[in-house]
Amino acid sequence: MRSVRRAGRVPRSAVMAAAMLILAAAAAAWAGDRAWTRDQVSQGLQAQGRAVSVLYEPGPRGPAVPVSARIAGVYASRDYNGTARVSTRLCWGSEQGPCVPLEGRSVETRAFDGRAASGPLLLVHRVEGWGNDHPPLFVRGTVTVWFGGE
């Protein structure tokens, strides 16, 4: 009798690294090579139905974003550990938006095209159900903004 060995799971860090490489390649084809990216972790979500917002703006280590620069595409993703059901919206300017929902763990959108590339953009997270989890729940988010125009 032959033993069959199953391959282990691919580490999440390897999946994220591959996704970032694909994202970088798409960036060059999508809107040129000018973009800023921020990775952040939310404060802990404590209560079902109560929104927690995380602000994303260009950082000091990224490229300079001229005041006249306009959005030419946005990618956002989120990840968290656990079984809670979390809804997330990507918003430009404030929690009131305009906003687009993340379907699954990410969204790639042109809904904000033409708006100021310096943002701010926000990821707005809301626990819809805790499942087997309990507070606090932390959500890791990434926002990449491609821009043009000067």
N, C-alpha and C. Protein backbone atom coordinates (compact mmCIF):
# COMPACT_ATOMS: atom_id res chain seq x y z
N MET A 1 0.84 -1.17 0.00
CA MET A 1 0.00 0.00 0.00
C MET A 1 0.89 1.23 0.00
N ARG A 2 0.61 2.13 -0.92
CA ARG A 2 1.39 3.35 -1.02
C ARG A 2 0.80 4.45 -0.15
N SER A 3 1.67 5.16 0.46
CA SER A 3 1.25 6.29 1.28
C SER A 3 1.21 7.54 0.41
N VAL A 4 0.14 8.30 0.52
CA VAL A 4 0.02 9.55 -0.22
C VAL A 4 0.20 10.68 0.76
N ARG A 5 1.10 11.54 0.42
CA ARG A 5 1.38 12.68 1.29
C ARG A 5 0.74 13.93 0.69
N ARG A 6 -0.04 14.60 1.48
CA ARG A 6 -0.70 15.82 1.01
C ARG A 6 0.20 17.01 1.23
N ALA A 7 0.14 17.89 0.28
CA ALA A 7 0.91 19.12 0.41
C ALA A 7 0.29 19.97 1.51
N GLY A 8 1.13 20.67 2.24
CA GLY A 8 0.65 21.55 3.30
C GLY A 8 0.05 22.81 2.73
N ARG A 9 -0.56 23.56 3.59
CA ARG A 9 -1.14 24.83 3.16
C ARG A 9 -0.04 25.81 2.80
N VAL A 10 -0.33 26.65 1.85
CA VAL A 10 0.61 27.69 1.48
C VAL A 10 0.53 28.77 2.56
N PRO A 11 1.68 29.17 3.10
CA PRO A 11 1.66 30.21 4.15
C PRO A 11 1.01 31.49 3.65
N ARG A 12 0.24 32.12 4.51
CA ARG A 12 -0.46 33.36 4.15
C ARG A 12 0.53 34.41 3.66
N SER A 13 1.72 34.48 4.26
CA SER A 13 2.70 35.48 3.83
C SER A 13 3.12 35.25 2.38
N ALA A 14 3.21 34.01 1.95
CA ALA A 14 3.57 33.72 0.56
C ALA A 14 2.45 34.14 -0.38
N VAL A 15 1.21 33.91 0.04
CA VAL A 15 0.07 34.31 -0.78
C VAL A 15 0.03 35.84 -0.89
N MET A 16 0.26 36.53 0.23
CA MET A 16 0.25 37.99 0.21
C MET A 16 1.37 38.53 -0.65
N ALA A 17 2.55 37.93 -0.58
CA ALA A 17 3.69 38.38 -1.40
C ALA A 17 3.38 38.20 -2.88
N ALA A 18 2.78 37.07 -3.24
CA ALA A 18 2.42 36.83 -4.64
C ALA A 18 1.36 37.84 -5.09
N ALA A 19 0.40 38.12 -4.23
CA ALA A 19 -0.64 39.08 -4.57
C ALA A 19 -0.05 40.47 -4.78
N MET A 20 0.91 40.85 -3.96
CA MET A 20 1.54 42.15 -4.11
C MET A 20 2.32 42.24 -5.41
N LEU A 21 2.98 41.15 -5.83
CA LEU A 21 3.70 41.15 -7.11
C LEU A 21 2.74 41.30 -8.27
N ILE A 22 1.63 40.58 -8.20
CA ILE A 22 0.61 40.69 -9.25
C ILE A 22 0.05 42.11 -9.27
N LEU A 23 -0.20 42.66 -8.10
CA LEU A 23 -0.71 44.01 -7.98
C LEU A 23 0.26 45.01 -8.57
N ALA A 24 1.55 44.85 -8.31
CA ALA A 24 2.56 45.76 -8.85
C ALA A 24 2.60 45.69 -10.37
N ALA A 25 2.49 44.49 -10.91
CA ALA A 25 2.48 44.33 -12.37
C ALA A 25 1.23 44.98 -12.97
N ALA A 26 0.10 44.79 -12.30
CA ALA A 26 -1.14 45.39 -12.78
C ALA A 26 -1.05 46.91 -12.72
N ALA A 27 -0.37 47.42 -11.71
CA ALA A 27 -0.24 48.87 -11.55
C ALA A 27 0.45 49.49 -12.75
N ALA A 28 1.51 48.86 -13.21
CA ALA A 28 2.25 49.39 -14.35
C ALA A 28 1.37 49.43 -15.59
N ALA A 29 0.57 48.42 -15.77
CA ALA A 29 -0.29 48.36 -16.95
C ALA A 29 -1.52 49.24 -16.79
N TRP A 30 -1.99 49.42 -15.54
CA TRP A 30 -3.26 50.09 -15.29
C TRP A 30 -3.13 51.61 -15.33
N ALA A 31 -2.21 52.14 -14.56
CA ALA A 31 -2.19 53.59 -14.43
C ALA A 31 -0.78 54.16 -14.35
N GLY A 32 0.17 53.49 -14.91
CA GLY A 32 1.54 53.98 -14.82
C GLY A 32 2.18 53.54 -13.52
N ASP A 33 3.34 54.08 -13.23
CA ASP A 33 4.08 53.58 -12.08
C ASP A 33 4.00 54.51 -10.87
N ARG A 34 3.07 55.48 -10.89
CA ARG A 34 2.95 56.38 -9.75
C ARG A 34 1.80 55.93 -8.86
N ALA A 35 2.15 55.54 -7.66
CA ALA A 35 1.14 55.06 -6.72
C ALA A 35 1.66 55.20 -5.30
N TRP A 36 0.74 55.25 -4.36
CA TRP A 36 1.12 55.16 -2.96
C TRP A 36 0.33 54.02 -2.33
N THR A 37 0.94 53.38 -1.34
CA THR A 37 0.34 52.24 -0.65
C THR A 37 0.53 52.42 0.84
N ARG A 38 -0.49 52.09 1.60
CA ARG A 38 -0.40 52.09 3.07
C ARG A 38 -0.99 50.81 3.59
N ASP A 39 -0.32 50.23 4.59
CA ASP A 39 -0.79 49.05 5.31
C ASP A 39 -1.01 49.48 6.76
N GLN A 40 -2.17 49.13 7.32
CA GLN A 40 -2.46 49.50 8.70
C GLN A 40 -3.34 48.43 9.33
N VAL A 41 -3.35 48.45 10.66
CA VAL A 41 -4.22 47.56 11.43
C VAL A 41 -5.21 48.43 12.19
N SER A 42 -6.47 48.03 12.16
CA SER A 42 -7.51 48.80 12.84
C SER A 42 -7.33 48.71 14.34
N GLN A 43 -7.96 49.65 15.04
CA GLN A 43 -8.11 49.46 16.47
C GLN A 43 -9.09 48.30 16.64
N GLY A 44 -9.20 47.77 17.81
CA GLY A 44 -10.04 46.60 18.01
C GLY A 44 -11.52 46.90 17.83
N LEU A 45 -12.19 46.05 17.02
CA LEU A 45 -13.63 46.14 16.91
C LEU A 45 -14.21 45.50 18.16
N GLN A 46 -15.06 46.22 18.87
CA GLN A 46 -15.53 45.79 20.17
C GLN A 46 -16.99 45.36 20.21
N ALA A 47 -17.80 45.95 19.31
CA ALA A 47 -19.24 45.70 19.39
C ALA A 47 -19.80 45.41 18.01
N GLN A 48 -20.69 44.46 17.95
CA GLN A 48 -21.36 44.13 16.70
C GLN A 48 -22.14 45.35 16.21
N GLY A 49 -21.98 45.65 14.91
CA GLY A 49 -22.72 46.75 14.31
C GLY A 49 -22.09 48.12 14.45
N ARG A 50 -21.06 48.27 15.27
CA ARG A 50 -20.42 49.57 15.46
C ARG A 50 -19.21 49.68 14.54
N ALA A 51 -19.18 50.72 13.70
CA ALA A 51 -18.12 50.88 12.70
C ALA A 51 -16.82 51.36 13.34
N VAL A 52 -15.72 50.85 12.79
CA VAL A 52 -14.38 51.33 13.11
C VAL A 52 -13.74 51.73 11.79
N SER A 53 -13.26 52.98 11.72
CA SER A 53 -12.66 53.50 10.49
C SER A 53 -11.16 53.60 10.64
N VAL A 54 -10.47 53.33 9.53
CA VAL A 54 -9.02 53.48 9.48
C VAL A 54 -8.71 54.42 8.32
N LEU A 55 -7.98 55.48 8.61
CA LEU A 55 -7.65 56.52 7.63
C LEU A 55 -6.38 56.14 6.87
N TYR A 56 -6.42 56.29 5.54
CA TYR A 56 -5.27 56.00 4.68
C TYR A 56 -4.94 57.25 3.86
N GLU A 57 -3.70 57.70 3.99
CA GLU A 57 -3.18 58.84 3.24
C GLU A 57 -1.75 58.51 2.82
N PRO A 58 -1.22 59.25 1.84
CA PRO A 58 0.17 59.01 1.45
C PRO A 58 1.08 59.21 2.66
N GLY A 59 2.10 58.37 2.75
CA GLY A 59 3.02 58.46 3.87
C GLY A 59 4.34 59.10 3.50
N PRO A 60 5.17 59.36 4.49
CA PRO A 60 6.44 60.03 4.23
C PRO A 60 7.44 59.19 3.43
N ARG A 61 7.27 57.86 3.42
CA ARG A 61 8.20 57.00 2.69
C ARG A 61 7.76 56.73 1.26
N GLY A 62 6.55 57.16 0.91
CA GLY A 62 6.04 56.92 -0.44
C GLY A 62 6.40 58.06 -1.37
N PRO A 63 5.93 57.98 -2.60
CA PRO A 63 6.21 59.04 -3.55
C PRO A 63 5.45 60.32 -3.18
N ALA A 64 6.01 61.45 -3.59
CA ALA A 64 5.32 62.72 -3.37
C ALA A 64 4.05 62.72 -4.23
N VAL A 65 2.97 63.18 -3.64
CA VAL A 65 1.70 63.25 -4.36
C VAL A 65 1.37 64.73 -4.53
N PRO A 66 1.51 65.26 -5.75
CA PRO A 66 1.19 66.67 -5.98
C PRO A 66 -0.26 66.98 -5.63
N VAL A 67 -0.52 68.19 -5.20
CA VAL A 67 -1.87 68.62 -4.84
C VAL A 67 -2.83 68.41 -6.01
N SER A 68 -2.32 68.59 -7.23
CA SER A 68 -3.18 68.46 -8.42
C SER A 68 -3.36 67.02 -8.89
N ALA A 69 -2.66 66.05 -8.27
CA ALA A 69 -2.74 64.65 -8.71
C ALA A 69 -4.15 64.11 -8.49
N ARG A 70 -4.61 63.31 -9.45
CA ARG A 70 -5.95 62.73 -9.40
C ARG A 70 -5.89 61.21 -9.43
N ILE A 71 -6.82 60.60 -8.76
CA ILE A 71 -6.89 59.13 -8.68
C ILE A 71 -7.14 58.55 -10.06
N ALA A 72 -6.41 57.46 -10.35
CA ALA A 72 -6.59 56.73 -11.62
C ALA A 72 -6.86 55.26 -11.35
N GLY A 73 -7.22 54.92 -10.14
CA GLY A 73 -7.55 53.55 -9.76
C GLY A 73 -7.17 53.30 -8.32
N VAL A 74 -7.93 52.45 -7.64
CA VAL A 74 -7.68 52.13 -6.24
C VAL A 74 -7.86 50.63 -6.02
N TYR A 75 -6.97 50.06 -5.22
CA TYR A 75 -7.08 48.66 -4.78
C TYR A 75 -7.09 48.69 -3.26
N ALA A 76 -7.96 47.92 -2.65
CA ALA A 76 -7.99 47.81 -1.19
C ALA A 76 -8.23 46.36 -0.81
N SER A 77 -7.60 45.94 0.27
CA SER A 77 -7.82 44.59 0.78
C SER A 77 -7.86 44.64 2.29
N ARG A 78 -8.43 43.58 2.85
CA ARG A 78 -8.49 43.46 4.31
C ARG A 78 -8.35 41.99 4.67
N ASP A 79 -7.87 41.75 5.89
CA ASP A 79 -7.71 40.39 6.37
C ASP A 79 -7.81 40.41 7.89
N TYR A 80 -8.33 39.33 8.44
CA TYR A 80 -8.42 39.19 9.89
C TYR A 80 -8.48 37.72 10.21
N ASN A 81 -8.12 37.40 11.43
CA ASN A 81 -8.17 36.01 11.88
C ASN A 81 -9.49 35.75 12.59
N GLY A 82 -10.07 34.61 12.33
CA GLY A 82 -11.26 34.24 13.06
C GLY A 82 -12.46 33.97 12.17
N THR A 83 -13.58 33.73 12.83
CA THR A 83 -14.81 33.34 12.14
C THR A 83 -15.87 34.43 12.12
N ALA A 84 -15.54 35.60 12.65
CA ALA A 84 -16.51 36.70 12.65
C ALA A 84 -16.85 37.08 11.21
N ARG A 85 -18.08 37.57 11.02
CA ARG A 85 -18.48 38.12 9.71
C ARG A 85 -18.28 39.62 9.79
N VAL A 86 -17.41 40.14 8.95
CA VAL A 86 -17.07 41.55 8.96
C VAL A 86 -17.38 42.14 7.59
N SER A 87 -18.12 43.25 7.57
CA SER A 87 -18.33 43.98 6.32
C SER A 87 -17.36 45.15 6.30
N THR A 88 -16.85 45.45 5.12
CA THR A 88 -15.89 46.55 4.98
C THR A 88 -16.27 47.38 3.76
N ARG A 89 -16.20 48.70 3.92
CA ARG A 89 -16.41 49.62 2.81
C ARG A 89 -15.14 50.45 2.63
N LEU A 90 -14.81 50.75 1.39
CA LEU A 90 -13.73 51.67 1.06
C LEU A 90 -14.38 53.00 0.72
N CYS A 91 -13.98 54.05 1.43
CA CYS A 91 -14.60 55.36 1.24
C CYS A 91 -13.54 56.40 0.91
N TRP A 92 -13.94 57.41 0.16
CA TRP A 92 -13.08 58.54 -0.14
C TRP A 92 -13.60 59.75 0.61
N GLY A 93 -12.72 60.45 1.32
CA GLY A 93 -13.08 61.69 1.99
C GLY A 93 -13.55 61.53 3.42
N SER A 94 -14.55 60.68 3.64
CA SER A 94 -15.10 60.47 4.98
C SER A 94 -15.89 59.16 4.98
N GLU A 95 -16.39 58.77 6.16
CA GLU A 95 -17.22 57.56 6.25
C GLU A 95 -18.49 57.68 5.42
N GLN A 96 -18.92 58.92 5.15
CA GLN A 96 -20.14 59.13 4.38
C GLN A 96 -19.91 58.98 2.88
N GLY A 97 -18.65 58.95 2.48
CA GLY A 97 -18.32 58.60 1.12
C GLY A 97 -18.23 59.71 0.13
N PRO A 98 -18.14 59.27 -1.07
CA PRO A 98 -18.64 58.04 -1.68
C PRO A 98 -17.87 56.80 -1.20
N CYS A 99 -18.56 55.66 -1.21
CA CYS A 99 -17.99 54.40 -0.73
C CYS A 99 -18.30 53.26 -1.69
N VAL A 100 -17.45 52.23 -1.65
CA VAL A 100 -17.72 50.98 -2.37
C VAL A 100 -17.46 49.84 -1.39
N PRO A 101 -18.30 48.80 -1.44
CA PRO A 101 -18.09 47.67 -0.53
C PRO A 101 -16.96 46.77 -1.02
N LEU A 102 -16.26 46.14 -0.09
CA LEU A 102 -15.32 45.09 -0.44
C LEU A 102 -16.12 43.82 -0.54
N GLU A 103 -16.03 43.16 -1.68
CA GLU A 103 -16.68 41.87 -1.88
C GLU A 103 -15.62 40.82 -1.56
N GLY A 104 -15.84 40.05 -0.54
CA GLY A 104 -14.79 39.13 -0.09
C GLY A 104 -13.72 39.93 0.63
N ARG A 105 -12.48 39.70 0.25
CA ARG A 105 -11.37 40.33 0.96
C ARG A 105 -10.77 41.54 0.25
N SER A 106 -11.24 41.88 -0.97
CA SER A 106 -10.61 43.01 -1.66
C SER A 106 -11.56 43.64 -2.67
N VAL A 107 -11.12 44.79 -3.17
CA VAL A 107 -11.84 45.48 -4.24
C VAL A 107 -10.82 46.23 -5.09
N GLU A 108 -11.06 46.24 -6.37
CA GLU A 108 -10.29 47.06 -7.30
C GLU A 108 -11.32 47.92 -8.00
N THR A 109 -11.17 49.26 -7.89
CA THR A 109 -12.23 50.13 -8.35
C THR A 109 -11.70 51.37 -9.04
N ARG A 110 -12.52 51.90 -9.90
CA ARG A 110 -12.25 53.19 -10.54
C ARG A 110 -13.34 54.19 -10.12
N ALA A 111 -14.08 53.86 -9.08
CA ALA A 111 -15.18 54.71 -8.61
C ALA A 111 -14.71 56.07 -8.12
N PHE A 112 -13.44 56.18 -7.73
CA PHE A 112 -12.93 57.43 -7.19
C PHE A 112 -12.07 58.19 -8.20
N ASP A 113 -12.02 57.70 -9.43
CA ASP A 113 -11.20 58.35 -10.46
C ASP A 113 -11.53 59.83 -10.55
N GLY A 114 -10.48 60.65 -10.67
CA GLY A 114 -10.66 62.09 -10.80
C GLY A 114 -10.67 62.83 -9.48
N ARG A 115 -10.81 62.12 -8.37
CA ARG A 115 -10.77 62.77 -7.05
C ARG A 115 -9.31 62.97 -6.63
N ALA A 116 -9.09 63.80 -5.64
CA ALA A 116 -7.73 64.10 -5.16
C ALA A 116 -7.03 62.82 -4.71
N ALA A 117 -5.83 62.58 -5.26
CA ALA A 117 -5.09 61.35 -4.98
C ALA A 117 -4.54 61.30 -3.56
N SER A 118 -4.47 62.44 -2.89
CA SER A 118 -3.96 62.44 -1.52
C SER A 118 -5.02 62.00 -0.53
N GLY A 119 -6.24 61.80 -1.01
CA GLY A 119 -7.31 61.28 -0.17
C GLY A 119 -7.89 62.34 0.73
N PRO A 120 -8.28 61.89 1.92
CA PRO A 120 -8.01 60.58 2.49
C PRO A 120 -8.98 59.51 1.99
N LEU A 121 -8.53 58.26 2.10
CA LEU A 121 -9.40 57.11 1.90
C LEU A 121 -9.54 56.42 3.25
N LEU A 122 -10.64 55.73 3.43
CA LEU A 122 -10.88 55.04 4.69
C LEU A 122 -11.37 53.64 4.41
N LEU A 123 -10.95 52.71 5.25
CA LEU A 123 -11.59 51.40 5.31
C LEU A 123 -12.47 51.43 6.54
N VAL A 124 -13.75 51.16 6.35
CA VAL A 124 -14.73 51.20 7.44
C VAL A 124 -15.19 49.77 7.68
N HIS A 125 -14.84 49.24 8.85
CA HIS A 125 -15.12 47.84 9.19
C HIS A 125 -16.27 47.78 10.20
N ARG A 126 -17.11 46.75 10.06
CA ARG A 126 -18.23 46.56 10.97
C ARG A 126 -18.44 45.06 11.18
N VAL A 127 -18.47 44.62 12.42
CA VAL A 127 -18.75 43.21 12.72
C VAL A 127 -20.25 43.00 12.56
N GLU A 128 -20.61 42.06 11.66
CA GLU A 128 -22.01 41.73 11.44
C GLU A 128 -22.45 40.56 12.31
N GLY A 129 -21.49 39.72 12.71
CA GLY A 129 -21.77 38.58 13.57
C GLY A 129 -20.45 38.03 14.11
N TRP A 130 -20.43 37.64 15.36
CA TRP A 130 -19.18 37.21 15.98
C TRP A 130 -18.81 35.77 15.69
N GLY A 131 -19.74 34.91 15.32
CA GLY A 131 -19.39 33.51 15.14
C GLY A 131 -18.83 32.96 16.44
N ASN A 132 -17.70 32.27 16.36
CA ASN A 132 -17.04 31.75 17.57
C ASN A 132 -16.08 32.75 18.18
N ASP A 133 -15.94 33.91 17.57
CA ASP A 133 -14.98 34.91 18.04
C ASP A 133 -15.61 35.77 19.12
N HIS A 134 -14.77 36.59 19.71
CA HIS A 134 -15.20 37.56 20.71
C HIS A 134 -14.30 38.78 20.61
N PRO A 135 -14.76 39.92 21.09
CA PRO A 135 -13.97 41.15 20.99
C PRO A 135 -12.65 41.04 21.77
N PRO A 136 -11.66 41.81 21.39
CA PRO A 136 -11.59 42.68 20.22
C PRO A 136 -11.14 41.91 18.98
N LEU A 137 -11.51 42.43 17.83
CA LEU A 137 -11.10 41.86 16.54
C LEU A 137 -10.33 42.95 15.79
N PHE A 138 -9.14 42.60 15.31
CA PHE A 138 -8.28 43.55 14.59
C PHE A 138 -8.27 43.19 13.11
N VAL A 139 -8.40 44.19 12.26
CA VAL A 139 -8.45 43.99 10.81
C VAL A 139 -7.22 44.65 10.18
N ARG A 140 -6.46 43.87 9.42
CA ARG A 140 -5.32 44.40 8.67
C ARG A 140 -5.82 44.87 7.31
N GLY A 141 -5.45 46.09 6.93
CA GLY A 141 -5.91 46.63 5.66
C GLY A 141 -4.77 47.20 4.84
N THR A 142 -4.96 47.18 3.53
CA THR A 142 -4.02 47.78 2.59
C THR A 142 -4.81 48.58 1.57
N VAL A 143 -4.34 49.79 1.29
CA VAL A 143 -4.93 50.62 0.25
C VAL A 143 -3.81 51.07 -0.66
N THR A 144 -4.00 50.88 -1.97
CA THR A 144 -3.07 51.37 -2.99
C THR A 144 -3.84 52.31 -3.91
N VAL A 145 -3.28 53.50 -4.13
CA VAL A 145 -3.89 54.50 -4.98
C VAL A 145 -2.95 54.81 -6.13
N TRP A 146 -3.40 54.59 -7.37
CA TRP A 146 -2.64 54.99 -8.55
C TRP A 146 -3.12 56.39 -8.92
N PHE A 147 -2.17 57.22 -9.35
CA PHE A 147 -2.55 58.59 -9.67
C PHE A 147 -1.82 59.13 -10.88
N GLY A 148 -2.42 60.16 -11.45
CA GLY A 148 -1.85 60.86 -12.60
C GLY A 148 -2.29 62.30 -12.59
N GLY A 149 -1.92 63.04 -13.61
CA GLY A 149 -2.29 64.44 -13.71
C GLY A 149 -1.49 65.29 -12.77
N GLU A 150 -1.06 66.42 -13.22
CA GLU A 150 -0.27 67.28 -12.35
C GLU A 150 -0.62 68.67 -12.58
